[in-house]
Structure formats: structure tokens, C-alpha cells
Amino acid sequence: VLQAVNRKTGKTIMPSQVQKLAGTVKPSTMRDEKQLRQLIKQVG
């Protein structure tokens, strides 16, 4: 997935970046629309 993102965007995303962001995600994040929208924007 990271390789596909890197190829498509032309930007190198390090696994540590994903892990850091993933560490902020809680089960409630996926249920709370405001938090989910913020997460989508952060991933983008």
C-alpha cells in the first residue's frame, strides 16, 4: 500500500509517518464523523 501511494503521489511516505498517525486513531475516531473527516484530511 505504501509503495502504491508513493508511486501514485510521487512523494515518499515512511512507515513511521503512518505509524505515528495511526497511533492517534482510537475506535471512537471511526465512529465520530468529525474525527473521521479530520483523519481523512490528515491522510490526504
PDB file of all heavy atoms in Angstrom:
ATOM      1  N   VAL A   1       0.844  -1.202   0.000  1.00  0.00           N
ATOM      2  CA  VAL A   1       0.000   0.000   0.000  1.00  0.00           C
ATOM      3  C   VAL A   1       0.875   1.246   0.000  1.00  0.00           C
ATOM      4  O   VAL A   1       0.642   2.182  -0.771  1.00  0.00           O
ATOM      5  CB  VAL A   1      -0.973   0.000   1.204  1.00  0.00           C
ATOM      6  CG1 VAL A   1      -1.658   1.347   1.348  1.00  0.00           C
ATOM      7  CG2 VAL A   1      -2.010  -1.098   1.046  1.00  0.00           C
ATOM      8  N   LEU A   2       1.895   1.271   0.847  1.00  0.00           N
ATOM      9  CA  LEU A   2       2.798   2.422   0.881  1.00  0.00           C
ATOM     10  C   LEU A   2       3.502   2.615  -0.455  1.00  0.00           C
ATOM     11  O   LEU A   2       3.643   3.744  -0.928  1.00  0.00           O
ATOM     12  CB  LEU A   2       3.838   2.274   1.997  1.00  0.00           C
ATOM     13  CG  LEU A   2       3.391   2.677   3.386  1.00  0.00           C
ATOM     14  CD1 LEU A   2       4.523   2.460   4.385  1.00  0.00           C
ATOM     15  CD2 LEU A   2       2.925   4.105   3.433  1.00  0.00           C
ATOM     16  N   GLN A   3       3.919   1.533  -1.074  1.00  0.00           N
ATOM     17  CA  GLN A   3       4.577   1.638  -2.374  1.00  0.00           C
ATOM     18  C   GLN A   3       3.609   2.198  -3.420  1.00  0.00           C
ATOM     19  O   GLN A   3       3.996   3.030  -4.244  1.00  0.00           O
ATOM     20  CB  GLN A   3       5.118   0.278  -2.813  1.00  0.00           C
ATOM     21  CG  GLN A   3       6.335  -0.153  -2.029  1.00  0.00           C
ATOM     22  CD  GLN A   3       6.783  -1.572  -2.375  1.00  0.00           C
ATOM     23  OE1 GLN A   3       6.084  -2.329  -3.028  1.00  0.00           O
ATOM     24  NE2 GLN A   3       7.975  -1.922  -1.906  1.00  0.00           N
ATOM     25  N   ALA A   4       2.348   1.761  -3.369  1.00  0.00           N
ATOM     26  CA  ALA A   4       1.351   2.268  -4.320  1.00  0.00           C
ATOM     27  C   ALA A   4       1.107   3.756  -4.101  1.00  0.00           C
ATOM     28  O   ALA A   4       1.020   4.529  -5.059  1.00  0.00           O
ATOM     29  CB  ALA A   4       0.047   1.488  -4.176  1.00  0.00           C
ATOM     30  N   VAL A   5       1.015   4.169  -2.851  1.00  0.00           N
ATOM     31  CA  VAL A   5       0.821   5.593  -2.537  1.00  0.00           C
ATOM     32  C   VAL A   5       2.025   6.384  -3.016  1.00  0.00           C
ATOM     33  O   VAL A   5       1.881   7.431  -3.650  1.00  0.00           O
ATOM     34  CB  VAL A   5       0.594   5.813  -1.019  1.00  0.00           C
ATOM     35  CG1 VAL A   5       0.650   7.284  -0.660  1.00  0.00           C
ATOM     36  CG2 VAL A   5      -0.741   5.220  -0.589  1.00  0.00           C
ATOM     37  N   ASN A   6       3.205   5.894  -2.742  1.00  0.00           N
ATOM     38  CA  ASN A   6       4.436   6.587  -3.146  1.00  0.00           C
ATOM     39  C   ASN A   6       4.517   6.734  -4.662  1.00  0.00           C
ATOM     40  O   ASN A   6       4.885   7.794  -5.171  1.00  0.00           O
ATOM     41  CB  ASN A   6       5.668   5.873  -2.597  1.00  0.00           C
ATOM     42  CG  ASN A   6       5.791   5.991  -1.086  1.00  0.00           C
ATOM     43  OD1 ASN A   6       5.193   6.861  -0.473  1.00  0.00           O
ATOM     44  ND2 ASN A   6       6.538   5.108  -0.489  1.00  0.00           N
ATOM     45  N   ARG A   7       4.165   5.678  -5.380  1.00  0.00           N
ATOM     46  CA  ARG A   7       4.181   5.745  -6.848  1.00  0.00           C
ATOM     47  C   ARG A   7       3.142   6.735  -7.361  1.00  0.00           C
ATOM     48  O   ARG A   7       3.416   7.525  -8.257  1.00  0.00           O
ATOM     49  CB  ARG A   7       3.894   4.366  -7.455  1.00  0.00           C
ATOM     50  CG  ARG A   7       5.102   3.477  -7.578  1.00  0.00           C
ATOM     51  CD  ARG A   7       4.830   2.280  -8.468  1.00  0.00           C
ATOM     52  NE  ARG A   7       3.628   1.536  -8.105  1.00  0.00           N
ATOM     53  CZ  ARG A   7       3.591   0.544  -7.221  1.00  0.00           C
ATOM     54  NH1 ARG A   7       4.685   0.166  -6.608  1.00  0.00           N
ATOM     55  NH2 ARG A   7       2.472  -0.081  -6.959  1.00  0.00           N
ATOM     56  N   LYS A   8       1.945   6.675  -6.810  1.00  0.00           N
ATOM     57  CA  LYS A   8       0.850   7.497  -7.317  1.00  0.00           C
ATOM     58  C   LYS A   8       1.061   8.978  -7.007  1.00  0.00           C
ATOM     59  O   LYS A   8       0.718   9.838  -7.810  1.00  0.00           O
ATOM     60  CB  LYS A   8      -0.483   7.018  -6.734  1.00  0.00           C
ATOM     61  CG  LYS A   8      -1.679   7.682  -7.362  1.00  0.00           C
ATOM     62  CD  LYS A   8      -2.906   6.864  -7.205  1.00  0.00           C
ATOM     63  CE  LYS A   8      -4.014   7.491  -8.012  1.00  0.00           C
ATOM     64  NZ  LYS A   8      -5.018   6.563  -8.418  1.00  0.00           N
ATOM     65  N   THR A   9       1.596   9.274  -5.834  1.00  0.00           N
ATOM     66  CA  THR A   9       1.733  10.668  -5.422  1.00  0.00           C
ATOM     67  C   THR A   9       3.088  11.261  -5.769  1.00  0.00           C
ATOM     68  O   THR A   9       3.239  12.485  -5.769  1.00  0.00           O
ATOM     69  CB  THR A   9       1.539  10.811  -3.898  1.00  0.00           C
ATOM     70  OG1 THR A   9       2.585  10.114  -3.223  1.00  0.00           O
ATOM     71  CG2 THR A   9       0.183  10.311  -3.456  1.00  0.00           C
ATOM     72  N   GLY A  10       4.074  10.414  -6.009  1.00  0.00           N
ATOM     73  CA  GLY A  10       5.416  10.916  -6.256  1.00  0.00           C
ATOM     74  C   GLY A  10       6.084  11.404  -4.981  1.00  0.00           C
ATOM     75  O   GLY A  10       7.120  12.050  -5.012  1.00  0.00           O
ATOM     76  N   LYS A  11       5.497  11.107  -3.841  1.00  0.00           N
ATOM     77  CA  LYS A  11       6.033  11.506  -2.543  1.00  0.00           C
ATOM     78  C   LYS A  11       6.326  10.248  -1.742  1.00  0.00           C
ATOM     79  O   LYS A  11       5.560   9.298  -1.787  1.00  0.00           O
ATOM     80  CB  LYS A  11       4.995  12.369  -1.809  1.00  0.00           C
ATOM     81  CG  LYS A  11       5.452  12.840  -0.456  1.00  0.00           C
ATOM     82  CD  LYS A  11       4.406  13.726   0.181  1.00  0.00           C
ATOM     83  CE  LYS A  11       4.859  14.147   1.560  1.00  0.00           C
ATOM     84  NZ  LYS A  11       3.859  14.907   2.272  1.00  0.00           N
ATOM     85  N   THR A  12       7.427  10.252  -1.043  1.00  0.00           N
ATOM     86  CA  THR A  12       7.782   9.096  -0.234  1.00  0.00           C
ATOM     87  C   THR A  12       7.183   9.236   1.156  1.00  0.00           C
ATOM     88  O   THR A  12       7.476  10.195   1.866  1.00  0.00           O
ATOM     89  CB  THR A  12       9.313   8.945  -0.129  1.00  0.00           C
ATOM     90  OG1 THR A  12       9.833   8.824  -1.450  1.00  0.00           O
ATOM     91  CG2 THR A  12       9.687   7.733   0.690  1.00  0.00           C
ATOM     92  N   ILE A  13       6.336   8.289   1.488  1.00  0.00           N
ATOM     93  CA  ILE A  13       5.754   8.238   2.825  1.00  0.00           C
ATOM     94  C   ILE A  13       6.450   7.116   3.575  1.00  0.00           C
ATOM     95  O   ILE A  13       6.503   5.985   3.095  1.00  0.00           O
ATOM     96  CB  ILE A  13       4.241   7.972   2.768  1.00  0.00           C
ATOM     97  CG1 ILE A  13       3.549   9.108   2.022  1.00  0.00           C
ATOM     98  CG2 ILE A  13       3.671   7.826   4.172  1.00  0.00           C
ATOM     99  CD1 ILE A  13       2.085   8.871   1.778  1.00  0.00           C
ATOM    100  N   MET A  14       6.977   7.455   4.703  1.00  0.00           N
ATOM    101  CA  MET A  14       7.703   6.479   5.502  1.00  0.00           C
ATOM    102  C   MET A  14       6.728   5.729   6.416  1.00  0.00           C
ATOM    103  O   MET A  14       5.761   6.310   6.901  1.00  0.00           O
ATOM    104  CB  MET A  14       8.759   7.176   6.361  1.00  0.00           C
ATOM    105  CG  MET A  14       9.765   8.011   5.570  1.00  0.00           C
ATOM    106  SD  MET A  14      10.655   7.074   4.323  1.00  0.00           S
ATOM    107  CE  MET A  14      11.572   5.949   5.344  1.00  0.00           C
ATOM    108  N   PRO A  15       6.985   4.454   6.638  1.00  0.00           N
ATOM    109  CA  PRO A  15       6.128   3.700   7.551  1.00  0.00           C
ATOM    110  C   PRO A  15       5.990   4.365   8.914  1.00  0.00           C
ATOM    111  O   PRO A  15       4.928   4.320   9.531  1.00  0.00           O
ATOM    112  CB  PRO A  15       6.830   2.346   7.667  1.00  0.00           C
ATOM    113  CG  PRO A  15       7.610   2.218   6.410  1.00  0.00           C
ATOM    114  CD  PRO A  15       8.033   3.627   6.049  1.00  0.00           C
ATOM    115  N   SER A  16       7.044   5.025   9.366  1.00  0.00           N
ATOM    116  CA  SER A  16       6.986   5.691  10.674  1.00  0.00           C
ATOM    117  C   SER A  16       5.947   6.813  10.688  1.00  0.00           C
ATOM    118  O   SER A  16       5.307   7.059  11.708  1.00  0.00           O
ATOM    119  CB  SER A  16       8.353   6.238  11.066  1.00  0.00           C
ATOM    120  OG  SER A  16       8.802   7.179  10.103  1.00  0.00           O
ATOM    121  N   GLN A  17       5.754   7.480   9.530  1.00  0.00           N
ATOM    122  CA  GLN A  17       4.736   8.527   9.452  1.00  0.00           C
ATOM    123  C   GLN A  17       3.349   7.926   9.623  1.00  0.00           C
ATOM    124  O   GLN A  17       2.504   8.479  10.330  1.00  0.00           O
ATOM    125  CB  GLN A  17       4.802   9.249   8.101  1.00  0.00           C
ATOM    126  CG  GLN A  17       6.024  10.095   7.897  1.00  0.00           C
ATOM    127  CD  GLN A  17       6.050  10.657   6.486  1.00  0.00           C
ATOM    128  OE1 GLN A  17       6.422   9.950   5.552  1.00  0.00           O
ATOM    129  NE2 GLN A  17       5.648  11.895   6.352  1.00  0.00           N
ATOM    130  N   VAL A  18       3.113   6.798   8.959  1.00  0.00           N
ATOM    131  CA  VAL A  18       1.815   6.138   9.056  1.00  0.00           C
ATOM    132  C   VAL A  18       1.592   5.635  10.474  1.00  0.00           C
ATOM    133  O   VAL A  18       0.512   5.790  11.046  1.00  0.00           O
ATOM    134  CB  VAL A  18       1.711   4.982   8.040  1.00  0.00           C
ATOM    135  CG1 VAL A  18       0.402   4.225   8.215  1.00  0.00           C
ATOM    136  CG2 VAL A  18       1.840   5.511   6.613  1.00  0.00           C
ATOM    137  N   GLN A  19       2.634   5.055  11.072  1.00  0.00           N
ATOM    138  CA  GLN A  19       2.521   4.549  12.433  1.00  0.00           C
ATOM    139  C   GLN A  19       2.217   5.668  13.416  1.00  0.00           C
ATOM    140  O   GLN A  19       1.409   5.503  14.329  1.00  0.00           O
ATOM    141  CB  GLN A  19       3.787   3.810  12.842  1.00  0.00           C
ATOM    142  CG  GLN A  19       3.947   2.491  12.127  1.00  0.00           C
ATOM    143  CD  GLN A  19       5.296   1.848  12.380  1.00  0.00           C
ATOM    144  OE1 GLN A  19       6.233   2.491  12.842  1.00  0.00           O
ATOM    145  NE2 GLN A  19       5.410   0.571  12.047  1.00  0.00           N
ATOM    146  N   LYS A  20       2.858   6.818  13.225  1.00  0.00           N
ATOM    147  CA  LYS A  20       2.623   7.953  14.117  1.00  0.00           C
ATOM    148  C   LYS A  20       1.170   8.406  14.021  1.00  0.00           C
ATOM    149  O   LYS A  20       0.508   8.619  15.034  1.00  0.00           O
ATOM    150  CB  LYS A  20       3.564   9.104  13.758  1.00  0.00           C
ATOM    151  CG  LYS A  20       3.439  10.301  14.660  1.00  0.00           C
ATOM    152  CD  LYS A  20       4.434  11.381  14.278  1.00  0.00           C
ATOM    153  CE  LYS A  20       4.255  12.620  15.130  1.00  0.00           C
ATOM    154  NZ  LYS A  20       5.165  13.683  14.736  1.00  0.00           N
ATOM    155  N   LEU A  21       0.667   8.537  12.796  1.00  0.00           N
ATOM    156  CA  LEU A  21      -0.723   8.942  12.609  1.00  0.00           C
ATOM    157  C   LEU A  21      -1.670   7.867  13.121  1.00  0.00           C
ATOM    158  O   LEU A  21      -2.666   8.175  13.785  1.00  0.00           O
ATOM    159  CB  LEU A  21      -0.998   9.247  11.138  1.00  0.00           C
ATOM    160  CG  LEU A  21      -2.389   9.784  10.808  1.00  0.00           C
ATOM    161  CD1 LEU A  21      -2.699  11.055  11.594  1.00  0.00           C
ATOM    162  CD2 LEU A  21      -2.492  10.060   9.319  1.00  0.00           C
ATOM    163  N   ALA A  22      -1.357   6.610  12.841  1.00  0.00           N
ATOM    164  CA  ALA A  22      -2.205   5.508  13.299  1.00  0.00           C
ATOM    165  C   ALA A  22      -2.285   5.466  14.821  1.00  0.00           C
ATOM    166  O   ALA A  22      -3.317   5.094  15.380  1.00  0.00           O
ATOM    167  CB  ALA A  22      -1.678   4.185  12.770  1.00  0.00           C
ATOM    168  N   GLY A  23      -1.213   5.878  15.480  1.00  0.00           N
ATOM    169  CA  GLY A  23      -1.202   5.898  16.938  1.00  0.00           C
ATOM    170  C   GLY A  23      -2.199   6.874  17.535  1.00  0.00           C
ATOM    171  O   GLY A  23      -2.574   6.759  18.701  1.00  0.00           O
ATOM    172  N   THR A  24      -2.651   7.831  16.740  1.00  0.00           N
ATOM    173  CA  THR A  24      -3.635   8.802  17.236  1.00  0.00           C
ATOM    174  C   THR A  24      -5.068   8.330  17.027  1.00  0.00           C
ATOM    175  O   THR A  24      -5.991   8.939  17.551  1.00  0.00           O
ATOM    176  CB  THR A  24      -3.473  10.165  16.529  1.00  0.00           C
ATOM    177  OG1 THR A  24      -3.834  10.037  15.143  1.00  0.00           O
ATOM    178  CG2 THR A  24      -2.062  10.699  16.657  1.00  0.00           C
ATOM    179  N   VAL A  25      -5.233   7.251  16.254  1.00  0.00           N
ATOM    180  CA  VAL A  25      -6.572   6.758  15.925  1.00  0.00           C
ATOM    181  C   VAL A  25      -7.080   5.854  17.035  1.00  0.00           C
ATOM    182  O   VAL A  25      -6.408   4.915  17.447  1.00  0.00           O
ATOM    183  CB  VAL A  25      -6.567   6.004  14.581  1.00  0.00           C
ATOM    184  CG1 VAL A  25      -7.942   5.449  14.264  1.00  0.00           C
ATOM    185  CG2 VAL A  25      -6.087   6.914  13.468  1.00  0.00           C
ATOM    186  N   LYS A  26      -8.269   6.155  17.490  1.00  0.00           N
ATOM    187  CA  LYS A  26      -8.937   5.354  18.517  1.00  0.00           C
ATOM    188  C   LYS A  26     -10.191   4.754  17.888  1.00  0.00           C
ATOM    189  O   LYS A  26     -10.655   5.231  16.844  1.00  0.00           O
ATOM    190  CB  LYS A  26      -9.325   6.246  19.690  1.00  0.00           C
ATOM    191  CG  LYS A  26      -8.147   6.907  20.359  1.00  0.00           C
ATOM    192  CD  LYS A  26      -8.616   7.821  21.473  1.00  0.00           C
ATOM    193  CE  LYS A  26      -7.435   8.413  22.195  1.00  0.00           C
ATOM    194  NZ  LYS A  26      -7.125   9.755  21.816  1.00  0.00           N
ATOM    195  N   PRO A  27     -10.760   3.731  18.494  1.00  0.00           N
ATOM    196  CA  PRO A  27     -12.004   3.180  17.942  1.00  0.00           C
ATOM    197  C   PRO A  27     -13.087   4.249  17.760  1.00  0.00           C
ATOM    198  O   PRO A  27     -13.837   4.218  16.789  1.00  0.00           O
ATOM    199  CB  PRO A  27     -12.416   2.138  18.973  1.00  0.00           C
ATOM    200  CG  PRO A  27     -11.123   1.692  19.577  1.00  0.00           C
ATOM    201  CD  PRO A  27     -10.264   2.947  19.622  1.00  0.00           C
ATOM    202  N   SER A  28     -13.114   5.211  18.654  1.00  0.00           N
ATOM    203  CA  SER A  28     -14.123   6.272  18.549  1.00  0.00           C
ATOM    204  C   SER A  28     -13.910   7.154  17.324  1.00  0.00           C
ATOM    205  O   SER A  28     -14.858   7.762  16.819  1.00  0.00           O
ATOM    206  CB  SER A  28     -14.121   7.135  19.813  1.00  0.00           C
ATOM    207  OG  SER A  28     -12.859   7.766  19.975  1.00  0.00           O
ATOM    208  N   THR A  29     -12.679   7.212  16.814  1.00  0.00           N
ATOM    209  CA  THR A  29     -12.381   8.036  15.637  1.00  0.00           C
ATOM    210  C   THR A  29     -13.212   7.587  14.445  1.00  0.00           C
ATOM    211  O   THR A  29     -13.717   8.413  13.686  1.00  0.00           O
ATOM    212  CB  THR A  29     -10.879   7.956  15.276  1.00  0.00           C
ATOM    213  OG1 THR A  29     -10.109   8.344  16.407  1.00  0.00           O
ATOM    214  CG2 THR A  29     -10.537   8.841  14.094  1.00  0.00           C
ATOM    215  N   MET A  30     -13.369   6.296  14.283  1.00  0.00           N
ATOM    216  CA  MET A  30     -14.118   5.772  13.145  1.00  0.00           C
ATOM    217  C   MET A  30     -15.628   5.947  13.319  1.00  0.00           C
ATOM    218  O   MET A  30     -16.371   5.881  12.354  1.00  0.00           O
ATOM    219  CB  MET A  30     -13.797   4.296  12.914  1.00  0.00           C
ATOM    220  CG  MET A  30     -12.360   4.070  12.516  1.00  0.00           C
ATOM    221  SD  MET A  30     -11.934   4.919  10.972  1.00  0.00           S
ATOM    222  CE  MET A  30     -10.283   4.396  10.735  1.00  0.00           C
ATOM    223  N   ARG A  31     -16.061   6.173  14.535  1.00  0.00           N
ATOM    224  CA  ARG A  31     -17.496   6.356  14.778  1.00  0.00           C
ATOM    225  C   ARG A  31     -17.891   7.827  14.812  1.00  0.00           C
ATOM    226  O   ARG A  31     -19.047   8.170  14.577  1.00  0.00           O
ATOM    227  CB  ARG A  31     -17.894   5.680  16.087  1.00  0.00           C
ATOM    228  CG  ARG A  31     -17.793   4.166  16.034  1.00  0.00           C
ATOM    229  CD  ARG A  31     -18.347   3.512  17.277  1.00  0.00           C
ATOM    230  NE  ARG A  31     -17.619   3.849  18.478  1.00  0.00           N
ATOM    231  CZ  ARG A  31     -16.596   3.165  18.974  1.00  0.00           C
ATOM    232  NH1 ARG A  31     -16.183   2.086  18.360  1.00  0.00           N
ATOM    233  NH2 ARG A  31     -15.987   3.531  20.076  1.00  0.00           N
ATOM    234  N   ASP A  32     -16.954   8.701  15.115  1.00  0.00           N
ATOM    235  CA  ASP A  32     -17.224  10.134  15.205  1.00  0.00           C
ATOM    236  C   ASP A  32     -16.926  10.777  13.850  1.00  0.00           C
ATOM    237  O   ASP A  32     -15.775  10.837  13.418  1.00  0.00           O
ATOM    238  CB  ASP A  32     -16.344  10.750  16.298  1.00  0.00           C
ATOM    239  CG  ASP A  32     -16.605  12.231  16.490  1.00  0.00           C
ATOM    240  OD1 ASP A  32     -16.488  12.997  15.500  1.00  0.00           O
ATOM    241  OD2 ASP A  32     -16.914  12.630  17.620  1.00  0.00           O
ATOM    242  N   GLU A  33     -17.968  11.261  13.183  1.00  0.00           N
ATOM    243  CA  GLU A  33     -17.793  11.763  11.819  1.00  0.00           C
ATOM    244  C   GLU A  33     -16.803  12.915  11.742  1.00  0.00           C
ATOM    245  O   GLU A  33     -15.992  12.993  10.813  1.00  0.00           O
ATOM    246  CB  GLU A  33     -19.140  12.188  11.239  1.00  0.00           C
ATOM    247  CG  GLU A  33     -19.042  12.519   9.775  1.00  0.00           C
ATOM    248  CD  GLU A  33     -20.381  12.658   9.089  1.00  0.00           C
ATOM    249  OE1 GLU A  33     -21.335  11.972   9.460  1.00  0.00           O
ATOM    250  OE2 GLU A  33     -20.445  13.488   8.158  1.00  0.00           O
ATOM    251  N   LYS A  34     -16.823  13.809  12.712  1.00  0.00           N
ATOM    252  CA  LYS A  34     -15.898  14.949  12.696  1.00  0.00           C
ATOM    253  C   LYS A  34     -14.449  14.465  12.780  1.00  0.00           C
ATOM    254  O   LYS A  34     -13.582  14.925  12.035  1.00  0.00           O
ATOM    255  CB  LYS A  34     -16.230  15.896  13.852  1.00  0.00           C
ATOM    256  CG  LYS A  34     -15.396  17.147  13.873  1.00  0.00           C
ATOM    257  CD  LYS A  34     -15.815  18.068  15.006  1.00  0.00           C
ATOM    258  CE  LYS A  34     -14.934  19.299  15.052  1.00  0.00           C
ATOM    259  NZ  LYS A  34     -15.301  20.200  16.149  1.00  0.00           N
ATOM    260  N   GLN A  35     -14.187  13.529  13.690  1.00  0.00           N
ATOM    261  CA  GLN A  35     -12.838  12.983  13.842  1.00  0.00           C
ATOM    262  C   GLN A  35     -12.420  12.203  12.602  1.00  0.00           C
ATOM    263  O   GLN A  35     -11.265  12.281  12.164  1.00  0.00           O
ATOM    264  CB  GLN A  35     -12.763  12.071  15.062  1.00  0.00           C
ATOM    265  CG  GLN A  35     -12.859  12.795  16.377  1.00  0.00           C
ATOM    266  CD  GLN A  35     -12.799  11.820  17.553  1.00  0.00           C
ATOM    267  OE1 GLN A  35     -12.397  10.678  17.412  1.00  0.00           O
ATOM    268  NE2 GLN A  35     -13.210  12.284  18.721  1.00  0.00           N
ATOM    269  N   LEU A  36     -13.352  11.457  12.022  1.00  0.00           N
ATOM    270  CA  LEU A  36     -13.056  10.673  10.827  1.00  0.00           C
ATOM    271  C   LEU A  36     -12.708  11.597   9.663  1.00  0.00           C
ATOM    272  O   LEU A  36     -11.753  11.356   8.929  1.00  0.00           O
ATOM    273  CB  LEU A  36     -14.242   9.776  10.473  1.00  0.00           C
ATOM    274  CG  LEU A  36     -14.080   8.883   9.251  1.00  0.00           C
ATOM    275  CD1 LEU A  36     -12.843   7.998   9.374  1.00  0.00           C
ATOM    276  CD2 LEU A  36     -15.327   8.039   9.055  1.00  0.00           C
ATOM    277  N   ARG A  37     -13.462  12.664   9.497  1.00  0.00           N
ATOM    278  CA  ARG A  37     -13.171  13.628   8.436  1.00  0.00           C
ATOM    279  C   ARG A  37     -11.776  14.240   8.619  1.00  0.00           C
ATOM    280  O   ARG A  37     -11.029  14.400   7.655  1.00  0.00           O
ATOM    281  CB  ARG A  37     -14.224  14.737   8.407  1.00  0.00           C
ATOM    282  CG  ARG A  37     -15.548  14.273   7.863  1.00  0.00           C
ATOM    283  CD  ARG A  37     -16.609  15.371   7.918  1.00  0.00           C
ATOM    284  NE  ARG A  37     -17.836  14.892   7.336  1.00  0.00           N
ATOM    285  CZ  ARG A  37     -18.091  14.857   6.033  1.00  0.00           C
ATOM    286  NH1 ARG A  37     -17.200  15.315   5.181  1.00  0.00           N
ATOM    287  NH2 ARG A  37     -19.225  14.375   5.568  1.00  0.00           N
ATOM    288  N   GLN A  38     -11.435  14.549   9.854  1.00  0.00           N
ATOM    289  CA  GLN A  38     -10.108  15.108  10.140  1.00  0.00           C
ATOM    290  C   GLN A  38      -9.010  14.097   9.803  1.00  0.00           C
ATOM    291  O   GLN A  38      -7.989  14.443   9.217  1.00  0.00           O
ATOM    292  CB  GLN A  38     -10.012  15.537  11.614  1.00  0.00           C
ATOM    293  CG  GLN A  38      -8.696  16.195  11.971  1.00  0.00           C
ATOM    294  CD  GLN A  38      -8.438  17.472  11.188  1.00  0.00           C
ATOM    295  OE1 GLN A  38      -9.349  18.220  10.870  1.00  0.00           O
ATOM    296  NE2 GLN A  38      -7.183  17.708  10.849  1.00  0.00           N
ATOM    297  N   LEU A  39      -9.241  12.835  10.150  1.00  0.00           N
ATOM    298  CA  LEU A  39      -8.272  11.782   9.842  1.00  0.00           C
ATOM    299  C   LEU A  39      -8.090  11.642   8.332  1.00  0.00           C
ATOM    300  O   LEU A  39      -6.964  11.531   7.845  1.00  0.00           O
ATOM    301  CB  LEU A  39      -8.726  10.452  10.447  1.00  0.00           C
ATOM    302  CG  LEU A  39      -7.851   9.242  10.133  1.00  0.00           C
ATOM    303  CD1 LEU A  39      -6.434   9.415  10.668  1.00  0.00           C
ATOM    304  CD2 LEU A  39      -8.490   7.981  10.670  1.00  0.00           C
ATOM    305  N   ILE A  40      -9.178  11.662   7.586  1.00  0.00           N
ATOM    306  CA  ILE A  40      -9.102  11.550   6.126  1.00  0.00           C
ATOM    307  C   ILE A  40      -8.272  12.701   5.560  1.00  0.00           C
ATOM    308  O   ILE A  40      -7.419  12.503   4.697  1.00  0.00           O
ATOM    309  CB  ILE A  40     -10.510  11.528   5.506  1.00  0.00           C
ATOM    310  CG1 ILE A  40     -11.237  10.241   5.903  1.00  0.00           C
ATOM    311  CG2 ILE A  40     -10.449  11.670   3.987  1.00  0.00           C
ATOM    312  CD1 ILE A  40     -12.733  10.257   5.648  1.00  0.00           C
ATOM    313  N   LYS A  41      -8.499  13.901   6.075  1.00  0.00           N
ATOM    314  CA  LYS A  41      -7.734  15.063   5.612  1.00  0.00           C
ATOM    315  C   LYS A  41      -6.254  14.919   5.964  1.00  0.00           C
ATOM    316  O   LYS A  41      -5.380  15.272   5.165  1.00  0.00           O
ATOM    317  CB  LYS A  41      -8.304  16.346   6.207  1.00  0.00           C
ATOM    318  CG  LYS A  41      -9.668  16.695   5.630  1.00  0.00           C
ATOM    319  CD  LYS A  41     -10.274  17.891   6.310  1.00  0.00           C
ATOM    320  CE  LYS A  41     -11.684  18.145   5.785  1.00  0.00           C
ATOM    321  NZ  LYS A  41     -12.345  19.242   6.494  1.00  0.00           N
ATOM    322  N   GLN A  42      -5.960  14.380   7.146  1.00  0.00           N
ATOM    323  CA  GLN A  42      -4.565  14.184   7.557  1.00  0.00           C
ATOM    324  C   GLN A  42      -3.873  13.149   6.666  1.00  0.00           C
ATOM    325  O   GLN A  42      -2.727  13.343   6.260  1.00  0.00           O
ATOM    326  CB  GLN A  42      -4.493  13.732   9.022  1.00  0.00           C
ATOM    327  CG  GLN A  42      -4.813  14.827  10.005  1.00  0.00           C
ATOM    328  CD  GLN A  42      -4.835  14.300  11.428  1.00  0.00           C
ATOM    329  OE1 GLN A  42      -5.468  13.298  11.729  1.00  0.00           O
ATOM    330  NE2 GLN A  42      -4.127  14.990  12.302  1.00  0.00           N
ATOM    331  N   VAL A  43      -4.577  12.072   6.363  1.00  0.00           N
ATOM    332  CA  VAL A  43      -4.002  11.041   5.490  1.00  0.00           C
ATOM    333  C   VAL A  43      -3.778  11.618   4.095  1.00  0.00           C
ATOM    334  O   VAL A  43      -2.739  11.400   3.476  1.00  0.00           O
ATOM    335  CB  VAL A  43      -4.898   9.782   5.442  1.00  0.00           C
ATOM    336  CG1 VAL A  43      -4.408   8.807   4.382  1.00  0.00           C
ATOM    337  CG2 VAL A  43      -4.935   9.099   6.805  1.00  0.00           C
ATOM    338  N   GLY A  44      -4.743  12.391   3.610  1.00  0.00           N
ATOM    339  CA  GLY A  44      -4.591  13.019   2.299  1.00  0.00           C
ATOM    340  C   GLY A  44      -3.396  13.954   2.253  1.00  0.00           C
ATOM    341  O   GLY A  44      -2.627  13.944   1.287  1.00  0.00           O
TER     342      GLY A  44
END
